[in-house]
């Protein structure tokens, strides 16, 4: 059994996106309770220069980690809260069963606090989601 708690970082091998493409992705749990339902998560990206650097509007509701600010992310990394995912429990259980979800570690507390503050002050998130994500 996997224990999924807020701030847990996993590597999800062959994560399937809505368009059917698959890619190995880091996956950070944002769910307030251990093994809580629904499971909310965010997929961090190191594509800051490509997608965020020159687009101020894309930077709303994001937490930007400088290179090595977290021991788990050696590159500049964006945690884009506009892309919070409500994971399908069936797909999550399947990934666990197939050993495609590997625990990496726990996000540092100060970064988790920045994420919480950004969620509380979000411009683009619906209030219901903010309520679900503010523990």
N, C-alpha and C. Protein backbone atom coordinates (compact mmCIF):
# COMPACT_ATOMS: atom_id res chain seq x y z
N UNK A 1 0.84 -1.19 0.00
CA UNK A 1 0.00 0.00 0.00
C UNK A 1 0.88 1.25 0.00
N UNK A 2 0.52 2.21 -0.80
CA UNK A 2 1.22 3.49 -0.86
C UNK A 2 0.49 4.49 0.03
N UNK A 3 1.26 5.26 0.77
CA UNK A 3 0.67 6.32 1.59
C UNK A 3 0.93 7.63 0.86
N UNK A 4 -0.15 8.29 0.48
CA UNK A 4 -0.05 9.56 -0.24
C UNK A 4 -0.46 10.68 0.71
N UNK A 5 0.50 11.54 1.02
CA UNK A 5 0.22 12.67 1.89
C UNK A 5 0.59 13.96 1.18
N UNK A 6 0.08 15.06 1.68
CA UNK A 6 0.32 16.37 1.08
C UNK A 6 1.82 16.64 0.98
N UNK A 7 2.28 17.02 -0.19
CA UNK A 7 3.68 17.34 -0.41
C UNK A 7 4.54 16.16 -0.80
N UNK A 8 3.94 14.97 -0.87
CA UNK A 8 4.69 13.80 -1.33
C UNK A 8 5.00 13.95 -2.81
N UNK A 9 6.23 13.65 -3.17
CA UNK A 9 6.66 13.72 -4.56
C UNK A 9 6.86 12.30 -5.08
N UNK A 10 6.27 12.04 -6.23
CA UNK A 10 6.39 10.73 -6.87
C UNK A 10 6.88 10.93 -8.30
N UNK A 11 7.48 9.91 -8.85
CA UNK A 11 7.74 9.85 -10.27
C UNK A 11 6.71 8.89 -10.84
N UNK A 12 5.89 9.40 -11.75
CA UNK A 12 4.84 8.59 -12.39
C UNK A 12 5.34 8.28 -13.79
N UNK A 13 5.70 7.03 -13.98
CA UNK A 13 6.20 6.61 -15.30
C UNK A 13 5.04 6.45 -16.26
N UNK A 14 5.21 6.98 -17.46
CA UNK A 14 4.19 6.94 -18.52
C UNK A 14 2.87 7.54 -18.06
N UNK A 15 2.96 8.74 -17.47
CA UNK A 15 1.75 9.47 -17.08
C UNK A 15 0.98 9.81 -18.35
N UNK A 16 -0.31 9.50 -18.36
CA UNK A 16 -1.10 9.74 -19.57
C UNK A 16 -1.87 11.05 -19.44
N UNK A 17 -1.65 11.93 -20.42
CA UNK A 17 -2.33 13.22 -20.47
C UNK A 17 -3.66 13.08 -21.20
N UNK A 18 -4.46 14.13 -21.11
CA UNK A 18 -5.79 14.14 -21.72
C UNK A 18 -5.75 13.90 -23.23
N UNK A 19 -4.67 14.33 -23.87
CA UNK A 19 -4.57 14.16 -25.32
C UNK A 19 -4.03 12.79 -25.72
N UNK A 20 -3.82 11.90 -24.74
CA UNK A 20 -3.37 10.54 -25.02
C UNK A 20 -1.86 10.36 -25.01
N UNK A 21 -1.11 11.46 -24.93
CA UNK A 21 0.35 11.33 -24.89
C UNK A 21 0.78 10.86 -23.50
N UNK A 22 1.91 10.20 -23.45
CA UNK A 22 2.45 9.70 -22.19
C UNK A 22 3.87 10.22 -21.99
N UNK A 23 4.19 10.52 -20.74
CA UNK A 23 5.52 11.03 -20.43
C UNK A 23 5.78 10.75 -18.96
N UNK A 24 7.02 10.44 -18.61
CA UNK A 24 7.37 10.32 -17.20
C UNK A 24 7.29 11.71 -16.57
N UNK A 25 6.57 11.82 -15.46
CA UNK A 25 6.35 13.13 -14.82
C UNK A 25 6.51 13.02 -13.31
N UNK A 26 7.09 14.08 -12.74
CA UNK A 26 7.02 14.21 -11.30
C UNK A 26 5.60 14.61 -10.95
N UNK A 27 5.12 14.14 -9.80
CA UNK A 27 3.73 14.29 -9.39
C UNK A 27 3.75 14.64 -7.91
N UNK A 28 3.16 15.80 -7.57
CA UNK A 28 3.16 16.25 -6.17
C UNK A 28 1.73 16.24 -5.66
N UNK A 29 1.51 15.52 -4.56
CA UNK A 29 0.18 15.44 -3.96
C UNK A 29 -0.14 16.75 -3.23
N UNK A 30 -1.37 17.23 -3.45
CA UNK A 30 -1.85 18.43 -2.76
C UNK A 30 -3.04 18.11 -1.85
N UNK A 31 -3.40 16.83 -1.76
CA UNK A 31 -4.53 16.41 -0.96
C UNK A 31 -4.24 16.65 0.51
N UNK A 32 -5.25 17.16 1.23
CA UNK A 32 -5.05 17.57 2.62
C UNK A 32 -4.88 16.42 3.61
N UNK A 33 -5.56 15.32 3.38
CA UNK A 33 -5.48 14.22 4.34
C UNK A 33 -4.72 13.03 3.73
N UNK A 34 -4.10 12.24 4.57
CA UNK A 34 -3.36 11.07 4.10
C UNK A 34 -4.33 10.13 3.39
N UNK A 35 -3.97 9.78 2.15
CA UNK A 35 -4.80 8.91 1.31
C UNK A 35 -6.23 9.44 1.17
N UNK A 36 -6.36 10.76 1.23
CA UNK A 36 -7.67 11.39 1.11
C UNK A 36 -8.25 11.27 -0.29
N UNK A 37 -9.56 11.43 -0.35
CA UNK A 37 -10.29 11.40 -1.61
C UNK A 37 -11.09 12.68 -1.68
N UNK A 38 -11.09 13.38 -2.79
CA UNK A 38 -10.37 13.08 -4.02
C UNK A 38 -8.87 13.36 -3.87
N UNK A 39 -8.11 12.81 -4.81
CA UNK A 39 -6.67 13.01 -4.81
C UNK A 39 -6.36 14.16 -5.77
N UNK A 40 -5.85 15.25 -5.20
CA UNK A 40 -5.42 16.39 -6.00
C UNK A 40 -3.90 16.37 -6.11
N UNK A 41 -3.41 16.71 -7.28
CA UNK A 41 -1.97 16.73 -7.50
C UNK A 41 -1.62 17.79 -8.54
N UNK A 42 -0.35 18.11 -8.60
CA UNK A 42 0.15 19.04 -9.59
C UNK A 42 1.42 18.43 -10.19
N UNK A 43 1.60 18.67 -11.48
CA UNK A 43 2.77 18.16 -12.19
C UNK A 43 3.74 19.32 -12.39
N UNK A 44 4.85 19.36 -11.65
CA UNK A 44 5.80 20.45 -11.84
C UNK A 44 6.47 20.35 -13.21
N UNK A 45 6.95 21.49 -13.69
CA UNK A 45 7.62 21.51 -14.98
C UNK A 45 8.91 22.32 -14.89
N UNK A 46 9.91 21.88 -15.62
CA UNK A 46 11.17 22.63 -15.70
C UNK A 46 11.21 23.48 -16.97
N UNK A 47 10.08 23.65 -17.61
CA UNK A 47 9.99 24.41 -18.87
C UNK A 47 9.73 25.90 -18.63
N UNK A 48 10.37 26.48 -17.62
CA UNK A 48 10.16 27.89 -17.30
C UNK A 48 10.49 28.79 -18.49
N UNK A 49 11.67 28.63 -19.06
CA UNK A 49 12.09 29.51 -20.17
C UNK A 49 11.15 29.39 -21.36
N UNK A 50 10.69 28.21 -21.64
CA UNK A 50 9.85 27.97 -22.82
C UNK A 50 8.42 28.49 -22.65
N UNK A 51 7.85 28.33 -21.46
CA UNK A 51 6.42 28.62 -21.30
C UNK A 51 6.08 29.78 -20.36
N UNK A 52 6.99 30.20 -19.49
CA UNK A 52 6.63 31.16 -18.45
C UNK A 52 7.45 32.45 -18.47
N UNK A 53 8.69 32.37 -18.88
CA UNK A 53 9.63 33.48 -18.75
C UNK A 53 9.11 34.78 -19.36
N UNK A 54 8.52 34.71 -20.55
CA UNK A 54 8.08 35.93 -21.25
C UNK A 54 6.56 36.05 -21.29
N UNK A 55 5.87 35.34 -20.41
CA UNK A 55 4.41 35.37 -20.40
C UNK A 55 3.94 35.59 -18.96
N UNK A 56 3.82 36.85 -18.59
CA UNK A 56 3.48 37.22 -17.22
C UNK A 56 2.16 36.59 -16.75
N UNK A 57 1.17 36.52 -17.64
CA UNK A 57 -0.12 35.96 -17.25
C UNK A 57 -0.02 34.48 -16.88
N UNK A 58 0.88 33.75 -17.51
CA UNK A 58 1.06 32.34 -17.15
C UNK A 58 1.67 32.17 -15.78
N UNK A 59 2.29 33.23 -15.27
CA UNK A 59 2.92 33.15 -13.96
C UNK A 59 1.96 33.36 -12.80
N UNK A 60 0.72 33.78 -13.10
CA UNK A 60 -0.28 33.88 -12.02
C UNK A 60 -0.48 32.51 -11.41
N UNK A 61 -0.64 32.48 -10.10
CA UNK A 61 -0.93 31.26 -9.37
C UNK A 61 0.11 30.17 -9.62
N UNK A 62 1.36 30.58 -9.55
CA UNK A 62 2.46 29.63 -9.67
C UNK A 62 3.42 29.82 -8.51
N UNK A 63 4.13 28.77 -8.21
CA UNK A 63 5.27 28.83 -7.29
C UNK A 63 6.47 28.45 -8.14
N UNK A 64 7.42 29.36 -8.21
CA UNK A 64 8.60 29.13 -9.04
C UNK A 64 9.78 28.84 -8.12
N UNK A 65 10.36 27.67 -8.32
CA UNK A 65 11.51 27.25 -7.53
C UNK A 65 12.77 27.50 -8.34
N UNK A 66 13.72 28.18 -7.76
CA UNK A 66 14.99 28.38 -8.42
C UNK A 66 15.74 27.03 -8.45
N UNK A 67 16.71 26.91 -9.32
CA UNK A 67 17.50 25.68 -9.42
C UNK A 67 18.05 25.31 -8.04
N UNK A 68 17.84 24.06 -7.66
CA UNK A 68 18.31 23.49 -6.39
C UNK A 68 17.69 24.12 -5.15
N UNK A 69 16.65 24.91 -5.30
CA UNK A 69 15.96 25.43 -4.11
C UNK A 69 15.32 24.27 -3.34
N UNK A 70 14.89 23.27 -4.06
CA UNK A 70 14.42 22.02 -3.46
C UNK A 70 15.45 20.95 -3.81
N UNK A 71 15.70 20.08 -2.89
CA UNK A 71 16.67 19.01 -3.14
C UNK A 71 16.21 18.07 -4.25
N UNK A 72 14.93 18.12 -4.60
CA UNK A 72 14.37 17.21 -5.60
C UNK A 72 14.35 17.79 -7.01
N UNK A 73 14.57 19.10 -7.13
CA UNK A 73 14.47 19.76 -8.42
C UNK A 73 15.73 20.56 -8.71
N UNK A 74 16.68 19.97 -9.45
CA UNK A 74 17.94 20.65 -9.74
C UNK A 74 17.81 21.79 -10.74
N UNK A 75 16.73 21.78 -11.54
CA UNK A 75 16.50 22.85 -12.51
C UNK A 75 15.44 23.80 -11.98
N UNK A 76 15.41 25.01 -12.55
CA UNK A 76 14.34 25.95 -12.23
C UNK A 76 13.02 25.26 -12.55
N UNK A 77 12.10 25.25 -11.60
CA UNK A 77 10.87 24.46 -11.72
C UNK A 77 9.66 25.30 -11.38
N UNK A 78 8.61 25.10 -12.15
CA UNK A 78 7.35 25.81 -11.93
C UNK A 78 6.31 24.83 -11.40
N UNK A 79 5.68 25.22 -10.31
CA UNK A 79 4.53 24.50 -9.79
C UNK A 79 3.33 25.38 -10.14
N UNK A 80 2.66 25.00 -11.21
CA UNK A 80 1.59 25.81 -11.78
C UNK A 80 0.25 25.34 -11.22
N UNK A 81 -0.31 26.13 -10.32
CA UNK A 81 -1.54 25.75 -9.64
C UNK A 81 -2.77 25.88 -10.54
N UNK A 82 -2.60 26.45 -11.72
CA UNK A 82 -3.71 26.47 -12.70
C UNK A 82 -3.89 25.08 -13.31
N UNK A 83 -2.90 24.22 -13.08
CA UNK A 83 -2.94 22.87 -13.65
C UNK A 83 -3.07 21.79 -12.58
N UNK A 84 -3.81 22.11 -11.52
CA UNK A 84 -4.07 21.09 -10.50
C UNK A 84 -4.96 20.03 -11.11
N UNK A 85 -4.61 18.79 -10.83
CA UNK A 85 -5.33 17.66 -11.40
C UNK A 85 -6.08 16.91 -10.30
N UNK A 86 -7.29 16.55 -10.60
CA UNK A 86 -8.07 15.68 -9.73
C UNK A 86 -7.92 14.29 -10.34
N UNK A 87 -7.10 13.46 -9.72
CA UNK A 87 -6.74 12.18 -10.32
C UNK A 87 -7.87 11.17 -10.23
N UNK A 88 -8.00 10.42 -11.29
CA UNK A 88 -8.96 9.32 -11.34
C UNK A 88 -8.44 8.21 -10.42
N UNK A 89 -9.21 7.84 -9.38
CA UNK A 89 -8.72 6.81 -8.45
C UNK A 89 -8.40 5.48 -9.13
N UNK A 90 -9.11 5.14 -10.18
CA UNK A 90 -8.86 3.88 -10.89
C UNK A 90 -7.49 3.93 -11.57
N UNK A 91 -7.19 5.06 -12.23
CA UNK A 91 -5.88 5.19 -12.89
C UNK A 91 -4.74 5.24 -11.87
N UNK A 92 -5.00 5.88 -10.75
CA UNK A 92 -4.00 5.96 -9.69
C UNK A 92 -3.71 4.56 -9.13
N UNK A 93 -4.74 3.80 -8.84
CA UNK A 93 -4.56 2.44 -8.33
C UNK A 93 -3.85 1.56 -9.36
N UNK A 94 -4.17 1.75 -10.63
CA UNK A 94 -3.53 0.98 -11.69
C UNK A 94 -2.03 1.30 -11.75
N UNK A 95 -1.68 2.58 -11.65
CA UNK A 95 -0.26 2.98 -11.67
C UNK A 95 0.47 2.40 -10.48
N UNK A 96 -0.17 2.37 -9.33
CA UNK A 96 0.45 1.78 -8.14
C UNK A 96 0.65 0.28 -8.34
N UNK A 97 -0.38 -0.39 -8.80
CA UNK A 97 -0.32 -1.85 -9.02
C UNK A 97 0.77 -2.22 -10.02
N UNK A 98 0.93 -1.40 -11.05
CA UNK A 98 1.92 -1.67 -12.10
C UNK A 98 3.31 -1.11 -11.77
N UNK A 99 3.49 -0.63 -10.54
CA UNK A 99 4.76 -0.06 -10.08
C UNK A 99 5.25 1.08 -10.96
N UNK A 100 4.31 1.90 -11.45
CA UNK A 100 4.67 3.07 -12.26
C UNK A 100 4.70 4.34 -11.42
N UNK A 101 4.35 4.25 -10.14
CA UNK A 101 4.34 5.39 -9.25
C UNK A 101 5.37 5.12 -8.15
N UNK A 102 6.48 5.87 -8.20
CA UNK A 102 7.60 5.66 -7.27
C UNK A 102 7.77 6.87 -6.37
N UNK A 103 7.82 6.63 -5.08
CA UNK A 103 8.01 7.71 -4.10
C UNK A 103 9.42 8.26 -4.22
N UNK A 104 9.51 9.59 -4.31
CA UNK A 104 10.80 10.28 -4.40
C UNK A 104 11.17 10.91 -3.07
N UNK A 105 10.20 11.54 -2.42
CA UNK A 105 10.47 12.20 -1.15
C UNK A 105 9.38 13.19 -0.79
N UNK A 106 9.63 13.95 0.26
CA UNK A 106 8.66 14.92 0.77
C UNK A 106 9.17 16.33 0.47
N UNK A 107 8.32 17.13 -0.17
CA UNK A 107 8.66 18.51 -0.48
C UNK A 107 8.99 19.27 0.80
N UNK A 108 9.97 20.13 0.74
CA UNK A 108 10.38 20.89 1.92
C UNK A 108 9.22 21.72 2.46
N UNK A 109 9.16 21.85 3.79
CA UNK A 109 8.04 22.51 4.46
C UNK A 109 7.87 23.97 4.02
N UNK A 110 8.97 24.68 3.82
CA UNK A 110 8.85 26.09 3.42
C UNK A 110 8.25 26.21 2.01
N UNK A 111 8.52 25.26 1.15
CA UNK A 111 7.93 25.28 -0.19
C UNK A 111 6.44 24.92 -0.11
N UNK A 112 6.11 23.95 0.73
CA UNK A 112 4.69 23.62 0.95
C UNK A 112 3.92 24.82 1.47
N UNK A 113 4.55 25.59 2.34
CA UNK A 113 3.89 26.79 2.87
C UNK A 113 3.68 27.82 1.76
N UNK A 114 4.64 27.98 0.87
CA UNK A 114 4.47 28.90 -0.27
C UNK A 114 3.33 28.45 -1.17
N UNK A 115 3.21 27.15 -1.38
CA UNK A 115 2.11 26.62 -2.19
C UNK A 115 0.78 26.91 -1.51
N UNK A 116 0.70 26.69 -0.23
CA UNK A 116 -0.54 26.95 0.52
C UNK A 116 -0.95 28.42 0.41
N UNK A 117 0.01 29.32 0.59
CA UNK A 117 -0.28 30.76 0.49
C UNK A 117 -0.75 31.12 -0.91
N UNK A 118 -0.10 30.56 -1.92
CA UNK A 118 -0.48 30.83 -3.31
C UNK A 118 -1.89 30.32 -3.59
N UNK A 119 -2.24 29.16 -3.05
CA UNK A 119 -3.60 28.62 -3.22
C UNK A 119 -4.61 29.55 -2.55
N UNK A 120 -4.33 29.96 -1.34
CA UNK A 120 -5.25 30.83 -0.59
C UNK A 120 -5.50 32.15 -1.31
N UNK A 121 -4.50 32.64 -2.03
CA UNK A 121 -4.61 33.94 -2.71
C UNK A 121 -4.78 33.82 -4.22
N UNK A 122 -5.17 32.64 -4.68
CA UNK A 122 -5.25 32.38 -6.12
C UNK A 122 -6.28 33.26 -6.82
N UNK A 123 -5.91 33.71 -8.02
CA UNK A 123 -6.80 34.49 -8.88
C UNK A 123 -7.63 33.59 -9.79
N UNK A 124 -7.06 32.48 -10.19
CA UNK A 124 -7.66 31.68 -11.25
C UNK A 124 -8.35 30.41 -10.77
N UNK A 125 -8.20 30.06 -9.51
CA UNK A 125 -8.81 28.82 -9.01
C UNK A 125 -10.23 29.07 -8.51
N UNK A 126 -11.14 28.14 -8.78
CA UNK A 126 -12.49 28.28 -8.24
C UNK A 126 -12.47 28.16 -6.71
N UNK A 127 -13.36 28.88 -6.06
CA UNK A 127 -13.38 28.90 -4.59
C UNK A 127 -13.55 27.50 -4.00
N UNK A 128 -14.33 26.66 -4.62
CA UNK A 128 -14.52 25.30 -4.12
C UNK A 128 -13.21 24.53 -4.07
N UNK A 129 -12.38 24.70 -5.12
CA UNK A 129 -11.08 24.04 -5.14
C UNK A 129 -10.16 24.63 -4.07
N UNK A 130 -10.18 25.94 -3.93
CA UNK A 130 -9.38 26.59 -2.88
C UNK A 130 -9.77 26.03 -1.51
N UNK A 131 -11.07 25.91 -1.27
CA UNK A 131 -11.55 25.35 0.00
C UNK A 131 -11.06 23.91 0.20
N UNK A 132 -11.09 23.11 -0.86
CA UNK A 132 -10.64 21.71 -0.77
C UNK A 132 -9.15 21.60 -0.50
N UNK A 133 -8.37 22.58 -0.97
CA UNK A 133 -6.92 22.51 -0.88
C UNK A 133 -6.31 23.27 0.30
N UNK A 134 -7.13 24.01 1.03
CA UNK A 134 -6.60 24.73 2.20
C UNK A 134 -6.97 23.93 3.43
N UNK A 135 -5.99 23.25 3.93
CA UNK A 135 -6.19 22.33 5.05
C UNK A 135 -6.37 23.07 6.37
